[in-house]
């Protein structure tokens, strides 16, 4: 019988460094001595007390089973974020949730379309094969191979110049740290909010910076734990032609018109003053 390898020490060190905590700081938060924490991290304490496991599990919001049995350093960034977000019903490391997909009769991966009426259910069913099986499916030619795609409807005007009501085809991103700053993405957030189409930048502090394409909307940040999925923009389809002039373009045009009128008024007043002086 193979001996089960225990990763508790390396995992708590990995999580501590991930949160950029010193040994002194973490020990103080857990009411431990630094020397005991150092011993736990380096495997010098062969029989940690049950309360040690519980304290670390509560602090990092990761189950004791996972802390003991899964080498967290070998997981993708997405899987680690899912664990930190509370999606941690213990499974073996290789079976932690991966994206659910559907395939056709020839085992080719489908593109699922998430209609507006299915948006609310998507947050709870995005990993449920039965939910996905009920969604409309289609295929497109000439897509880059080796990726998973899904199409989402959009609402609102924050994604201009892409027309309101467009359907956006996104490529699934597993490793969020791989995206470049400002990458256009469909962002699936927890809670009751809509799917959002934003320019996404992943920050070092575990938050995502979401900028709107329509500059009338202020950018904002969300913690990674609030994000379920990221789908990098590939293309869109719409019955409406993109606007040749955005709202911001219109505002700038109005400002320039006002400036021109003010300048003309000042020039006119100067001319009247000169004529009065000559008289």
Protein backbone atom coordinates (compact mmCIF):
# COMPACT_ATOMS: atom_id res chain seq x y z
CA UNK A 1 0.00 0.00 0.00
CA UNK A 2 1.41 3.37 -1.03
CA UNK A 3 2.02 5.83 1.77
CA UNK A 4 -0.08 9.01 1.51
CA UNK A 5 2.14 12.05 1.15
CA UNK A 6 1.24 14.93 3.45
CA UNK A 7 1.53 18.50 2.10
CA UNK A 8 0.40 20.42 5.18
CA UNK A 9 3.73 22.15 5.88
CA UNK A 10 4.48 23.14 2.29
CA UNK A 11 0.86 24.23 1.78
CA UNK A 12 0.72 26.62 4.73
CA UNK A 13 4.05 28.11 3.66
CA UNK A 14 2.74 28.46 0.08
CA UNK A 15 -0.48 30.15 1.26
CA UNK A 16 1.37 32.42 3.67
CA UNK A 17 3.73 33.62 0.94
CA UNK A 18 0.79 33.96 -1.46
CA UNK A 19 -0.78 36.41 0.99
CA UNK A 20 2.62 38.10 1.44
CA UNK A 21 2.67 37.50 5.16
CA UNK A 22 5.84 37.10 7.16
CA UNK A 23 6.15 34.23 9.61
CA UNK A 24 5.96 36.74 12.45
CA UNK A 25 2.72 38.26 11.14
CA UNK A 26 0.97 34.95 10.52
CA UNK A 27 2.11 33.52 13.85
CA UNK A 28 0.68 36.56 15.62
CA UNK A 29 -2.65 36.22 13.78
CA UNK A 30 -2.92 32.57 14.79
CA UNK A 31 -1.54 33.11 18.32
CA UNK A 32 1.43 30.83 17.63
CA UNK A 33 5.10 31.34 18.25
CA UNK A 34 7.22 31.98 15.18
CA UNK A 35 9.37 28.97 16.03
CA UNK A 36 6.32 26.66 16.05
CA UNK A 37 5.10 28.05 12.71
CA UNK A 38 8.56 27.58 11.23
CA UNK A 39 8.59 23.98 12.51
CA UNK A 40 5.16 23.30 11.00
CA UNK A 41 6.14 24.75 7.62
CA UNK A 42 9.33 22.71 7.48
CA UNK A 43 7.80 19.44 8.64
CA UNK A 44 9.77 19.40 11.86
CA UNK A 45 6.60 18.82 13.86
CA UNK A 46 5.53 15.32 12.92
CA UNK A 47 2.27 15.35 14.85
CA UNK A 48 0.58 18.77 14.75
CA UNK A 49 -2.35 19.16 17.12
CA UNK A 50 -5.90 18.96 15.71
CA UNK A 51 -6.48 22.61 16.63
CA UNK A 52 -3.50 23.55 14.45
CA UNK A 53 -5.18 22.02 11.39
CA UNK A 54 -8.46 23.74 12.23
CA UNK A 55 -6.87 27.14 12.84
CA UNK A 56 -5.02 27.12 9.51
CA UNK A 57 -8.10 25.83 7.70
CA UNK A 58 -10.27 28.61 9.14
CA UNK A 59 -7.68 31.29 8.41
CA UNK A 60 -7.04 30.33 4.78
CA UNK A 61 -10.67 29.21 4.14
CA UNK A 62 -9.44 25.86 2.76
CA UNK A 63 -10.49 22.46 4.07
CA UNK A 64 -8.21 20.37 6.28
CA UNK A 65 -8.37 17.54 3.74
CA UNK A 66 -7.06 19.81 1.00
CA UNK A 67 -4.35 21.28 3.22
CA UNK A 68 -3.18 17.75 3.99
CA UNK A 69 -3.61 15.90 0.70
CA UNK A 70 -3.31 18.36 -2.21
CA UNK A 71 -0.07 19.99 -3.34
CA UNK A 72 -1.45 23.50 -3.80
CA UNK A 73 1.72 24.74 -5.50
CA UNK A 74 0.93 22.51 -8.49
CA UNK A 75 -2.61 23.85 -9.02
CA UNK A 76 -3.51 26.50 -11.57
CA UNK A 77 -4.26 30.02 -10.42
CA UNK A 78 -7.93 29.52 -11.25
CA UNK A 79 -8.22 26.41 -9.08
CA UNK A 80 -6.48 28.10 -6.17
CA UNK A 81 -8.85 31.06 -6.44
CA UNK A 82 -11.81 28.71 -6.47
CA UNK A 83 -10.52 27.09 -3.28
CA UNK A 84 -10.08 30.51 -1.68
CA UNK A 85 -13.59 31.44 -2.80
CA UNK A 86 -14.99 28.50 -0.82
CA UNK A 87 -15.46 26.01 -3.67
CA UNK A 88 -13.62 23.31 -1.76
CA UNK A 89 -15.52 20.07 -1.34
CA UNK A 90 -12.42 17.94 -1.11
CA UNK A 91 -11.43 15.94 -4.18
CA UNK A 92 -8.05 14.76 -5.39
CA UNK A 93 -5.88 17.47 -6.85
CA UNK A 94 -6.30 16.26 -10.41
CA UNK A 95 -10.08 16.25 -10.09
CA UNK A 96 -10.62 19.75 -8.73
CA UNK A 97 -13.31 21.41 -10.83
CA UNK A 98 -12.52 21.88 -14.47
CA UNK A 99 -14.75 23.56 -17.00
CA UNK A 100 -17.79 21.47 -17.94
CA UNK A 101 -18.30 21.19 -21.70
CA UNK A 102 -20.55 19.39 -24.19
CA UNK A 103 -19.55 17.58 -27.39
CA UNK A 104 -21.36 16.54 -30.56
CA UNK A 105 -21.76 13.04 -31.98
CA UNK A 106 -18.24 13.16 -33.42
CA UNK A 107 -16.76 14.19 -30.07
CA UNK A 108 -16.14 17.76 -31.25
CA UNK A 109 -16.57 20.39 -28.58
CA UNK A 110 -19.71 22.51 -28.92
CA UNK A 111 -20.08 26.23 -28.42
CA UNK A 112 -22.88 26.82 -25.91
CA UNK A 113 -25.01 29.94 -26.11
CA UNK A 114 -26.26 31.35 -22.80
CA UNK A 115 -29.56 33.13 -23.54
CA UNK A 116 -30.78 35.99 -21.39
CA UNK A 117 -33.34 33.80 -19.62
CA UNK A 118 -30.56 31.39 -18.58
CA UNK A 119 -28.26 34.02 -17.08
CA UNK A 120 -29.55 33.65 -13.54
CA UNK A 121 -29.18 29.89 -13.63
CA UNK A 122 -25.72 29.98 -15.15
CA UNK A 123 -24.09 31.05 -11.88
CA UNK A 124 -25.26 27.90 -10.16
CA UNK A 125 -25.23 25.60 -13.19
CA UNK A 126 -22.06 26.63 -15.02
CA UNK A 127 -20.31 23.47 -13.77
CA UNK A 128 -23.35 21.20 -14.17
CA UNK A 129 -23.23 19.09 -17.37
CA UNK A 130 -27.03 18.70 -17.30
CA UNK A 131 -27.54 22.47 -17.22
CA UNK A 132 -25.09 22.95 -20.08
CA UNK A 133 -26.70 20.15 -22.08
CA UNK A 134 -29.96 22.13 -22.10
CA UNK A 135 -28.34 25.26 -23.59
CA UNK A 136 -28.45 26.00 -27.34
CA UNK A 137 -25.31 24.77 -29.11
CA UNK A 138 -23.59 25.52 -32.38
CA UNK A 139 -20.23 25.35 -34.10
CA UNK A 140 -18.23 27.92 -36.04
CA UNK A 141 -15.58 27.32 -38.68
CA UNK A 142 -12.01 28.60 -38.50
CA UNK A 143 -11.80 29.01 -34.73
CA UNK A 144 -8.34 28.45 -33.22
CA UNK A 145 -8.16 24.89 -31.97
CA UNK A 146 -7.33 23.77 -28.47
CA UNK A 147 -9.67 26.23 -26.73
CA UNK A 148 -13.19 26.25 -25.31
CA UNK A 149 -15.65 28.89 -26.50
CA UNK A 150 -19.01 30.10 -25.23
CA UNK A 151 -21.33 32.90 -26.36
CA UNK A 152 -22.97 35.39 -24.01
CA UNK A 153 -25.60 38.09 -24.66
CA UNK A 154 -24.81 41.61 -23.49
CA UNK A 155 -26.99 44.42 -22.19
CA UNK A 156 -26.38 48.09 -21.51
CA UNK A 157 -24.12 50.57 -23.28
CA UNK A 158 -20.95 50.18 -21.22
CA UNK A 159 -19.36 48.10 -23.98
CA UNK A 160 -19.66 50.68 -26.76
CA UNK A 161 -18.64 50.86 -29.58
CA UNK A 162 -19.91 47.26 -29.67
CA UNK A 163 -23.68 47.73 -30.10
CA UNK A 164 -25.98 47.13 -27.17
CA UNK A 165 -27.55 43.68 -27.26
CA UNK A 166 -24.69 42.03 -29.14
CA UNK A 167 -23.69 38.43 -28.56
CA UNK A 168 -20.04 38.06 -27.62
CA UNK A 169 -18.03 34.93 -28.29
CA UNK A 170 -15.45 34.33 -25.59
CA UNK A 171 -12.51 31.96 -25.17
CA UNK A 172 -12.28 30.36 -21.73
CA UNK A 173 -9.31 31.49 -19.62
CA UNK A 174 -8.13 28.98 -17.05
CA UNK A 175 -5.01 30.81 -15.87
CA UNK A 176 -6.02 34.39 -15.18
CA UNK A 177 -2.43 35.48 -14.64
CA UNK A 178 -1.75 34.75 -18.31
CA UNK A 179 -3.87 37.61 -19.63
CA UNK A 180 -2.36 40.94 -20.57
CA UNK A 181 -3.52 44.12 -18.81
CA UNK A 182 -6.63 45.54 -20.42
CA UNK A 183 -7.72 42.26 -22.04
CA UNK A 184 -11.39 42.44 -23.15
CA UNK A 185 -13.32 39.73 -21.31
CA UNK A 186 -16.77 38.58 -20.39
CA UNK A 187 -16.63 38.46 -16.57
CA UNK A 188 -19.00 36.11 -14.75
CA UNK A 189 -19.47 37.49 -11.24
CA UNK A 190 -21.12 35.93 -8.24
CA UNK A 191 -24.32 37.43 -6.88
CA UNK A 192 -27.22 38.94 -8.76
CA UNK A 193 -25.34 41.28 -11.09
CA UNK A 194 -25.30 40.93 -14.86
CA UNK A 195 -22.50 39.39 -16.89
CA UNK A 196 -20.15 42.26 -17.69
CA UNK A 197 -17.90 42.91 -20.68
CA UNK A 198 -14.83 44.75 -19.43
CA UNK A 199 -11.17 45.43 -20.05
CA UNK A 200 -9.61 43.22 -17.38
CA UNK A 201 -6.29 43.58 -15.59
CA UNK A 202 -5.24 41.16 -12.85
CA UNK A 203 -3.55 43.04 -9.99
CA UNK A 204 -0.94 41.72 -7.59
CA UNK A 205 -3.19 42.06 -4.55
CA UNK A 206 -5.67 39.43 -5.75
CA UNK A 207 -8.14 41.86 -7.31
CA UNK A 208 -9.28 42.37 -10.87
CA UNK A 209 -9.43 45.87 -12.36
CA UNK A 210 -12.47 46.20 -14.64
CA UNK A 211 -12.52 49.09 -17.07
CA UNK A 212 -15.45 49.94 -19.34
CA UNK A 213 -15.09 50.58 -23.04
CA UNK A 214 -17.52 53.47 -22.69
CA UNK A 215 -15.48 55.99 -20.71
CA UNK A 216 -18.61 57.50 -19.20
CA UNK A 217 -18.53 54.51 -16.84
CA UNK A 218 -15.99 54.52 -14.03
CA UNK A 219 -13.65 51.53 -13.68
CA UNK A 220 -13.82 49.45 -10.52
CA UNK A 221 -12.13 46.49 -8.87
CA UNK A 222 -13.46 43.17 -7.60
CA UNK A 223 -11.70 40.51 -5.57
CA UNK A 224 -10.81 37.34 -7.45
CA UNK A 225 -13.07 35.37 -5.10
CA UNK A 226 -16.07 37.25 -6.56
CA UNK A 227 -15.29 36.07 -10.10
CA UNK A 228 -16.55 32.70 -11.33
CA UNK A 229 -15.17 32.71 -14.87
CA UNK A 230 -13.30 34.84 -17.40
CA UNK A 231 -13.92 34.51 -21.15
CA UNK A 232 -11.49 36.42 -23.37
CA UNK A 233 -13.12 38.31 -26.22
CA UNK A 234 -12.87 36.62 -29.60
CA UNK A 235 -15.61 38.19 -31.70
CA UNK A 236 -19.18 39.44 -31.60
CA UNK A 237 -22.30 39.27 -33.69
CA UNK A 238 -25.01 41.90 -33.93
CA UNK A 239 -27.83 43.05 -36.16
CA UNK A 240 -26.83 46.64 -35.45
CA UNK A 241 -23.90 48.38 -37.09
CA UNK A 242 -21.33 49.71 -34.60
CA UNK A 243 -21.69 53.40 -33.83
CA UNK A 244 -19.30 55.60 -35.74
CA UNK A 245 -19.39 58.01 -32.83
CA UNK A 246 -19.44 57.00 -29.17
CA UNK A 247 -21.06 58.94 -26.35
CA UNK A 248 -17.66 60.31 -25.38
CA UNK A 249 -17.04 61.43 -28.96
CA UNK A 250 -20.36 63.28 -28.84
CA UNK A 251 -19.46 64.96 -25.56
CA UNK A 252 -16.05 66.00 -26.87
CA UNK A 253 -17.67 67.40 -30.01
CA UNK A 254 -20.08 69.47 -27.89
CA UNK A 255 -17.18 70.78 -25.77
CA UNK A 256 -15.22 71.74 -28.87
CA UNK A 257 -18.29 73.49 -30.31
CA UNK A 258 -18.70 75.48 -27.08
CA UNK A 259 -15.02 76.43 -27.08
CA UNK A 260 -15.26 77.57 -30.68
CA UNK A 261 -18.34 79.68 -29.93
CA UNK A 262 -16.63 81.28 -26.92
CA UNK A 263 -13.57 82.04 -29.02
CA UNK A 264 -15.76 83.60 -31.73
CA UNK A 265 -17.58 85.70 -29.15
CA UNK A 266 -14.28 86.94 -27.73
CA UNK A 267 -13.01 87.76 -31.20
CA UNK A 268 -16.22 89.61 -31.95
CA UNK A 269 -15.95 91.63 -28.71
CA UNK A 270 -12.34 92.50 -29.53
CA UNK A 271 -13.37 93.74 -32.98
CA UNK A 272 -16.18 95.88 -31.50
CA UNK A 273 -13.72 97.42 -29.02
CA UNK A 274 -11.29 98.29 -31.77
CA UNK A 275 -14.03 99.92 -33.84
CA UNK A 276 -15.22 101.92 -30.83
CA UNK A 277 -11.67 103.13 -30.25
CA UNK A 278 -11.33 104.27 -33.83
CA UNK A 279 -14.58 106.20 -33.56
